[in-house]
């Protein structure tokens, strides 16, 4: 679970975004705007907020890929997921008499391309996806009000071994990261990397006055772009998305999870909350 951002009803973000809530489009140039359709794709890393490395991983050949061994069904469309939203007074005090009307979000099917990396023998898989969070809440009268919301990160694992890719939880202060390390396979050492960038766009921000309060409609689109630099011929990137409804978590529980956290690789299923039935799985190779 991760914190995405906080928004105040007095028409100003309390997070680190570079635009106000009155805007409905992104005004600055973004990574999504830079490439002409007729240009050859290429990857040039922008600065990131967090940089990590993982210990050398020794990959062993397998007779049956983990995905087949565990009968993992691949999803081929959009994915419905859930988020937690709270109305706040200040950044750490919940307005308990507020009413939240929606906790469902939509993750749209990723767009995937792959192309040669600058380093010979490597390929870049570029993965773009959008998470749409439409929010609606009744906000009682009484002073300045804001909102904070949390959602589950989208993660990745290896098709053949079930090993999860290392990742960094994004927070209100962290919108990008890079992770690099060595993988040894069949006696060869490969240096692989992942770069992740997040942008947020306000789609709607409207309040309608009601008796003793107001109804607040707020819709945010989160754009994620990830670059996986992997050896030529590797086709094992699998995205997985948490789809169970845990929107009944309390404000205090969500606050405890708000931190910059590096997630070590592990075999999927080893963590307590990793039940295959609670996730949707998407093959990146099938999309690009």
Protein backbone atom coordinates (compact mmCIF):
# COMPACT_ATOMS: atom_id res chain seq x y z
CA UNK A 1 0.00 0.00 0.00
CA UNK A 2 1.30 3.48 -0.70
CA UNK A 3 0.36 7.09 -0.22
CA UNK A 4 -0.23 8.95 -3.42
CA UNK A 5 -0.98 12.55 -2.43
CA UNK A 6 -2.96 14.93 -0.25
CA UNK A 7 -5.33 17.59 -1.55
CA UNK A 8 -6.89 20.53 0.29
CA UNK A 9 -10.34 22.00 -0.29
CA UNK A 10 -8.88 25.51 -0.27
CA UNK A 11 -7.66 24.88 -3.86
CA UNK A 12 -4.04 24.01 -3.16
CA UNK A 13 -2.16 20.74 -3.01
CA UNK A 14 -0.60 19.72 0.26
CA UNK A 15 1.68 17.32 -1.60
CA UNK A 16 4.69 17.87 -3.81
CA UNK A 17 2.88 18.22 -7.14
CA UNK A 18 3.75 21.21 -9.35
CA UNK A 19 0.20 22.33 -10.22
CA UNK A 20 -2.93 23.52 -8.41
CA UNK A 21 -6.18 21.62 -8.13
CA UNK A 22 -7.99 24.07 -10.38
CA UNK A 23 -6.13 22.78 -13.44
CA UNK A 24 -7.70 20.04 -15.52
CA UNK A 25 -4.73 19.34 -17.80
CA UNK A 26 -1.01 18.93 -17.32
CA UNK A 27 0.62 22.26 -18.14
CA UNK A 28 4.28 21.28 -18.00
CA UNK A 29 6.03 19.10 -20.57
CA UNK A 30 5.88 15.48 -19.50
CA UNK A 31 7.62 12.26 -20.53
CA UNK A 32 4.43 11.33 -22.40
CA UNK A 33 4.74 14.37 -24.70
CA UNK A 34 8.37 14.14 -25.75
CA UNK A 35 8.37 11.50 -28.49
CA UNK A 36 7.09 12.01 -32.01
CA UNK A 37 5.25 8.99 -33.40
CA UNK A 38 7.65 8.69 -36.34
CA UNK A 39 10.82 8.70 -34.24
CA UNK A 40 12.76 5.59 -33.32
CA UNK A 41 12.12 4.87 -29.61
CA UNK A 42 15.04 5.37 -27.26
CA UNK A 43 15.59 5.61 -23.54
CA UNK A 44 17.48 8.33 -21.72
CA UNK A 45 17.17 8.23 -17.94
CA UNK A 46 15.84 11.32 -16.18
CA UNK A 47 16.94 12.02 -12.58
CA UNK A 48 15.08 9.96 -9.98
CA UNK A 49 14.14 10.54 -6.34
CA UNK A 50 15.45 7.20 -5.04
CA UNK A 51 18.28 4.97 -6.31
CA UNK A 52 18.70 1.36 -5.15
CA UNK A 53 20.78 -1.69 -6.04
CA UNK A 54 20.02 -5.35 -5.45
CA UNK A 55 22.42 -8.15 -4.58
CA UNK A 56 23.62 -10.44 -7.36
CA UNK A 57 20.90 -12.94 -8.21
CA UNK A 58 21.77 -16.40 -9.51
CA UNK A 59 18.97 -17.59 -11.81
CA UNK A 60 18.68 -21.34 -12.31
CA UNK A 61 17.02 -22.94 -15.36
CA UNK A 62 13.59 -24.39 -14.57
CA UNK A 63 11.74 -27.35 -16.09
CA UNK A 64 8.29 -25.77 -15.69
CA UNK A 65 7.84 -22.00 -15.53
CA UNK A 66 6.33 -20.72 -12.27
CA UNK A 67 3.35 -19.22 -14.12
CA UNK A 68 2.43 -22.61 -15.61
CA UNK A 69 3.17 -24.54 -12.43
CA UNK A 70 0.76 -22.32 -10.50
CA UNK A 71 -1.90 -22.08 -13.23
CA UNK A 72 -1.69 -18.29 -13.30
CA UNK A 73 -4.49 -16.85 -15.49
CA UNK A 74 -3.48 -13.78 -17.48
CA UNK A 75 -5.81 -10.78 -17.66
CA UNK A 76 -6.12 -9.14 -21.07
CA UNK A 77 -8.21 -6.05 -20.33
CA UNK A 78 -8.59 -3.27 -17.78
CA UNK A 79 -8.37 -4.11 -14.07
CA UNK A 80 -10.64 -2.86 -11.28
CA UNK A 81 -8.83 -2.23 -8.02
CA UNK A 82 -9.51 -0.38 -4.76
CA UNK A 83 -8.14 2.54 -2.78
CA UNK A 84 -8.57 4.10 0.66
CA UNK A 85 -9.63 7.74 0.96
CA UNK A 86 -10.05 9.89 4.04
CA UNK A 87 -11.20 13.48 4.61
CA UNK A 88 -8.74 15.24 6.90
CA UNK A 89 -8.35 18.34 9.02
CA UNK A 90 -4.64 18.96 8.77
CA UNK A 91 -2.45 16.18 7.42
CA UNK A 92 -2.83 13.63 10.23
CA UNK A 93 -6.35 14.12 11.67
CA UNK A 94 -9.31 12.29 10.14
CA UNK A 95 -12.73 13.98 9.85
CA UNK A 96 -14.73 10.99 11.09
CA UNK A 97 -18.21 12.30 10.18
CA UNK A 98 -17.32 12.61 6.47
CA UNK A 99 -18.82 10.05 4.09
CA UNK A 100 -16.82 8.40 1.27
CA UNK A 101 -18.99 7.23 -1.65
CA UNK A 102 -16.48 5.44 -3.90
CA UNK A 103 -13.38 3.31 -3.36
CA UNK A 104 -13.01 1.71 -6.82
CA UNK A 105 -10.25 2.65 -9.24
CA UNK A 106 -9.56 1.54 -12.81
CA UNK A 107 -6.15 0.47 -14.07
CA UNK A 108 -6.20 0.62 -17.85
CA UNK A 109 -4.48 -2.06 -19.90
CA UNK A 110 -0.77 -1.21 -20.19
CA UNK A 111 0.78 -0.04 -23.44
CA UNK A 112 4.10 -1.81 -24.06
CA UNK A 113 6.90 -1.26 -26.56
CA UNK A 114 10.37 -2.73 -26.73
CA UNK A 115 13.46 -1.56 -28.61
CA UNK A 116 17.26 -1.95 -28.52
CA UNK A 117 19.08 -0.46 -25.55
CA UNK A 118 22.19 1.65 -26.04
CA UNK A 119 24.31 -1.18 -24.65
CA UNK A 120 24.74 -4.01 -27.12
CA UNK A 121 22.97 -7.22 -26.16
CA UNK A 122 20.18 -5.54 -24.18
CA UNK A 123 16.54 -4.60 -24.82
CA UNK A 124 14.39 -1.86 -23.27
CA UNK A 125 10.81 -2.78 -22.38
CA UNK A 126 8.82 0.43 -21.94
CA UNK A 127 5.60 -0.05 -19.97
CA UNK A 128 3.00 2.73 -19.71
CA UNK A 129 -0.23 2.49 -17.75
CA UNK A 130 -2.87 4.78 -16.27
CA UNK A 131 -4.65 4.43 -12.92
CA UNK A 132 -7.89 6.44 -12.73
CA UNK A 133 -9.19 7.30 -9.24
CA UNK A 134 -12.66 8.92 -9.26
CA UNK A 135 -13.51 10.16 -5.77
CA UNK A 136 -16.74 11.41 -4.24
CA UNK A 137 -17.24 12.39 -0.61
CA UNK A 138 -19.64 14.29 1.63
CA UNK A 139 -17.65 16.85 3.60
CA UNK A 140 -19.31 18.39 6.70
CA UNK A 141 -18.93 22.07 7.48
CA UNK A 142 -16.19 23.22 9.78
CA UNK A 143 -12.83 24.72 8.91
CA UNK A 144 -10.30 23.78 6.27
CA UNK A 145 -10.63 20.26 4.87
CA UNK A 146 -8.37 18.10 2.75
CA UNK A 147 -8.09 14.49 1.63
CA UNK A 148 -5.44 11.79 1.58
CA UNK A 149 -5.66 8.53 -0.25
CA UNK A 150 -3.72 5.29 -0.55
CA UNK A 151 -3.66 2.55 -3.17
CA UNK A 152 -1.71 -0.63 -3.84
CA UNK A 153 1.35 -0.36 -6.01
CA UNK A 154 1.57 -2.27 -9.28
CA UNK A 155 4.44 -4.77 -9.14
CA UNK A 156 6.28 -7.18 -11.42
CA UNK A 157 7.66 -10.72 -11.24
CA UNK A 158 9.55 -13.23 -13.36
CA UNK A 159 7.46 -15.61 -15.48
CA UNK A 160 9.92 -18.48 -15.07
CA UNK A 161 10.80 -18.42 -11.36
CA UNK A 162 8.03 -16.40 -9.68
CA UNK A 163 10.70 -14.11 -8.23
CA UNK A 164 9.30 -10.62 -7.65
CA UNK A 165 11.24 -7.68 -9.01
CA UNK A 166 12.64 -5.32 -6.37
CA UNK A 167 10.70 -2.06 -6.12
CA UNK A 168 10.32 1.17 -4.17
CA UNK A 169 7.00 2.26 -2.65
CA UNK A 170 6.05 5.68 -4.00
CA UNK A 171 4.92 8.25 -1.43
CA UNK A 172 3.94 11.89 -1.25
CA UNK A 173 7.64 12.81 -1.63
CA UNK A 174 8.75 10.05 -4.01
CA UNK A 175 7.61 10.00 -7.64
CA UNK A 176 10.47 8.09 -9.28
CA UNK A 177 13.16 5.51 -8.62
CA UNK A 178 15.79 3.35 -10.27
CA UNK A 179 17.02 -0.11 -9.30
CA UNK A 180 20.05 -1.86 -10.79
CA UNK A 181 21.84 -5.13 -10.13
CA UNK A 182 23.47 -8.22 -11.64
CA UNK A 183 21.78 -11.45 -12.65
CA UNK A 184 23.91 -14.53 -13.33
CA UNK A 185 22.44 -17.11 -15.73
CA UNK A 186 24.25 -20.03 -17.39
CA UNK A 187 27.59 -18.61 -16.25
CA UNK A 188 26.95 -15.20 -17.83
CA UNK A 189 26.49 -12.01 -15.79
CA UNK A 190 23.90 -9.48 -16.94
CA UNK A 191 23.38 -6.02 -15.45
CA UNK A 192 19.65 -5.27 -15.45
CA UNK A 193 17.82 -2.10 -14.45
CA UNK A 194 14.37 -0.67 -13.87
CA UNK A 195 13.46 3.04 -13.96
CA UNK A 196 10.00 4.16 -12.81
CA UNK A 197 8.39 7.60 -13.17
CA UNK A 198 5.00 8.82 -11.92
CA UNK A 199 2.95 11.83 -13.03
CA UNK A 200 -0.44 12.91 -11.70
CA UNK A 201 -3.15 14.83 -13.52
CA UNK A 202 -6.32 16.36 -12.06
CA UNK A 203 -9.34 15.41 -14.19
CA UNK A 204 -12.09 16.91 -12.01
CA UNK A 205 -12.21 19.06 -8.87
CA UNK A 206 -15.69 20.31 -8.04
CA UNK A 207 -17.72 20.94 -4.88
CA UNK A 208 -21.51 21.19 -4.68
CA UNK A 209 -22.94 22.91 -1.62
CA UNK A 210 -25.35 20.82 0.43
CA UNK A 211 -27.16 21.36 3.70
CA UNK A 212 -24.57 21.41 6.53
CA UNK A 213 -21.71 20.64 4.15
CA UNK A 214 -20.81 19.89 0.55
CA UNK A 215 -20.26 17.01 -1.87
CA UNK A 216 -16.75 16.93 -3.30
CA UNK A 217 -16.06 15.34 -6.69
CA UNK A 218 -12.36 14.81 -7.33
CA UNK A 219 -10.83 12.63 -10.04
CA UNK A 220 -7.12 12.00 -10.42
CA UNK A 221 -5.25 10.12 -13.15
CA UNK A 222 -1.87 8.63 -12.28
CA UNK A 223 0.45 7.96 -15.23
CA UNK A 224 3.26 5.46 -14.71
CA UNK A 225 6.14 4.88 -17.12
CA UNK A 226 8.61 2.08 -16.41
CA UNK A 227 11.70 1.06 -18.34
CA UNK A 228 13.12 -2.44 -17.89
CA UNK A 229 16.59 -2.93 -19.37
CA UNK A 230 17.06 -6.67 -19.82
CA UNK A 231 19.18 -9.09 -21.92
CA UNK A 232 18.07 -9.70 -25.50
CA UNK A 233 15.63 -12.58 -25.71
CA UNK A 234 14.26 -12.25 -22.18
CA UNK A 235 10.45 -12.25 -22.25
CA UNK A 236 9.53 -13.00 -18.65
CA UNK A 237 8.14 -9.70 -17.31
CA UNK A 238 4.76 -10.19 -15.62
CA UNK A 239 2.76 -7.36 -14.02
CA UNK A 240 0.59 -8.16 -11.01
CA UNK A 241 -2.12 -5.97 -9.47
CA UNK A 242 -3.86 -6.32 -6.09
CA UNK A 243 -7.62 -6.55 -6.71
CA UNK A 244 -9.11 -7.52 -3.33
CA UNK A 245 -11.20 -4.90 -1.54
CA UNK A 246 -9.35 -3.79 1.58
CA UNK A 247 -10.80 -0.27 1.58
CA UNK A 248 -12.01 -0.83 5.15
CA UNK A 249 -8.51 -0.20 6.52
CA UNK A 250 -8.47 2.60 9.06
CA UNK A 251 -6.74 5.95 8.70
CA UNK A 252 -4.26 4.98 11.42
CA UNK A 253 -3.38 1.73 9.63
CA UNK A 254 -2.73 3.59 6.38
CA UNK A 255 -0.58 6.21 8.11
CA UNK A 256 1.62 3.44 9.52
CA UNK A 257 2.31 2.25 5.95
CA UNK A 258 3.38 5.68 4.70
CA UNK A 259 7.13 5.51 4.21
CA UNK A 260 9.79 5.19 1.55
CA UNK A 261 10.23 1.43 1.44
CA UNK A 262 12.55 -0.71 -0.67
CA UNK A 263 11.03 -4.12 -1.36
CA UNK A 264 13.52 -6.96 -1.65
CA UNK A 265 12.90 -9.64 -4.30
CA UNK A 266 11.26 -12.85 -3.10
CA UNK A 267 9.23 -15.74 -4.49
CA UNK A 268 5.62 -14.62 -4.94
CA UNK A 269 3.46 -16.20 -2.23
CA UNK A 270 6.04 -15.99 0.56
CA UNK A 271 4.48 -12.81 1.97
CA UNK A 272 1.37 -13.14 4.17
CA UNK A 273 -0.93 -11.18 1.84
CA UNK A 274 0.21 -12.79 -1.44
CA UNK A 275 -2.77 -14.99 -2.29
CA UNK A 276 -2.89 -15.63 -6.04
CA UNK A 277 -6.68 -15.22 -6.01
CA UNK A 278 -6.34 -11.61 -4.82
CA UNK A 279 -4.31 -10.50 -7.84
CA UNK A 280 -4.65 -9.93 -11.56
CA UNK A 281 -1.64 -10.93 -13.69
CA UNK A 282 -0.70 -9.39 -17.05
CA UNK A 283 1.98 -10.71 -19.43
CA UNK A 284 4.10 -7.80 -20.65
CA UNK A 285 5.56 -9.88 -23.50
CA UNK A 286 2.05 -10.48 -24.89
CA UNK A 287 1.45 -6.71 -25.08
CA UNK A 288 4.67 -5.62 -26.70
